[in-house]
């Protein structure tokens, strides 16, 4: 058993379950992820808040509308 397996077991995590995390992003960040062939996130900019994923798509959309859209200067 690996260290990861032991840690996951201690926390009651089931590695066989897939969990989708939603991360609202602006166009610039989306372009950077695409340029990495969808394999990496760009480094966080000093003025960016700490990444917080959402387990629910509706929450991610709301977060995007409230934080990212105004920050990017887009009117809704």
Protein backbone atom coordinates (compact mmCIF):
# COMPACT_ATOMS: atom_id res chain seq x y z
CA UNK A 1 0.00 0.00 0.00
CA UNK A 2 1.42 3.39 -1.00
CA UNK A 3 1.55 6.48 1.23
CA UNK A 4 -1.25 7.97 -0.88
CA UNK A 5 -3.40 4.86 -0.42
CA UNK A 6 -2.84 4.93 3.34
CA UNK A 7 -3.68 8.65 3.55
CA UNK A 8 -6.79 8.24 1.43
CA UNK A 9 -7.93 5.27 3.49
CA UNK A 10 -7.36 7.17 6.74
CA UNK A 11 -9.55 10.00 5.45
CA UNK A 12 -12.23 7.66 4.18
CA UNK A 13 -11.59 8.70 0.56
CA UNK A 14 -12.67 6.33 -2.18
CA UNK A 15 -10.23 6.78 -5.08
CA UNK A 16 -12.49 4.80 -7.40
CA UNK A 17 -15.05 7.62 -7.43
CA UNK A 18 -14.67 10.47 -9.91
CA UNK A 19 -15.52 13.92 -8.59
CA UNK A 20 -15.99 16.84 -10.97
CA UNK A 21 -14.65 20.15 -9.71
CA UNK A 22 -15.86 23.30 -11.44
CA UNK A 23 -13.44 26.19 -11.65
CA UNK A 24 -14.75 29.46 -13.03
CA UNK A 25 -12.12 31.14 -15.20
CA UNK A 26 -11.78 34.19 -17.39
CA UNK A 27 -10.88 34.02 -21.07
CA UNK A 28 -7.17 34.65 -20.47
CA UNK A 29 -6.87 31.80 -18.00
CA UNK A 30 -8.91 29.50 -20.25
CA UNK A 31 -6.58 30.30 -23.17
CA UNK A 32 -3.54 29.50 -21.01
CA UNK A 33 -4.99 26.13 -19.99
CA UNK A 34 -5.81 25.36 -23.63
CA UNK A 35 -2.26 26.24 -24.71
CA UNK A 36 -0.96 23.65 -22.21
CA UNK A 37 -3.07 21.06 -24.06
CA UNK A 38 -5.48 21.07 -21.09
CA UNK A 39 -2.81 19.62 -18.79
CA UNK A 40 -1.85 22.53 -16.51
CA UNK A 41 -3.20 25.65 -14.86
CA UNK A 42 -1.22 28.86 -15.24
CA UNK A 43 0.48 30.30 -12.18
CA UNK A 44 -1.79 32.43 -10.04
CA UNK A 45 -1.29 36.16 -10.49
CA UNK A 46 -0.56 38.21 -7.34
CA UNK A 47 -3.96 39.91 -7.49
CA UNK A 48 -5.90 36.68 -8.08
CA UNK A 49 -7.78 35.13 -5.18
CA UNK A 50 -6.78 31.66 -4.06
CA UNK A 51 -8.32 28.98 -6.26
CA UNK A 52 -11.53 27.59 -4.87
CA UNK A 53 -13.21 24.86 -6.81
CA UNK A 54 -16.93 24.34 -6.69
CA UNK A 55 -18.55 20.94 -6.48
CA UNK A 56 -21.71 22.31 -8.07
CA UNK A 57 -21.94 23.84 -11.55
CA UNK A 58 -24.53 26.40 -10.44
CA UNK A 59 -22.21 27.69 -7.73
CA UNK A 60 -19.35 27.95 -10.24
CA UNK A 61 -21.54 29.94 -12.65
CA UNK A 62 -22.65 32.29 -9.88
CA UNK A 63 -19.05 32.77 -8.76
CA UNK A 64 -18.01 33.53 -12.32
CA UNK A 65 -20.78 36.10 -12.76
CA UNK A 66 -20.04 37.79 -9.44
CA UNK A 67 -16.23 37.79 -9.49
CA UNK A 68 -14.68 37.01 -12.84
CA UNK A 69 -16.99 38.83 -15.23
CA UNK A 70 -16.69 42.17 -13.39
CA UNK A 71 -12.92 41.73 -13.01
CA UNK A 72 -12.57 41.17 -16.77
CA UNK A 73 -14.61 44.29 -17.51
CA UNK A 74 -17.53 42.51 -19.17
CA UNK A 75 -21.07 43.76 -18.73
CA UNK A 76 -23.78 41.19 -18.11
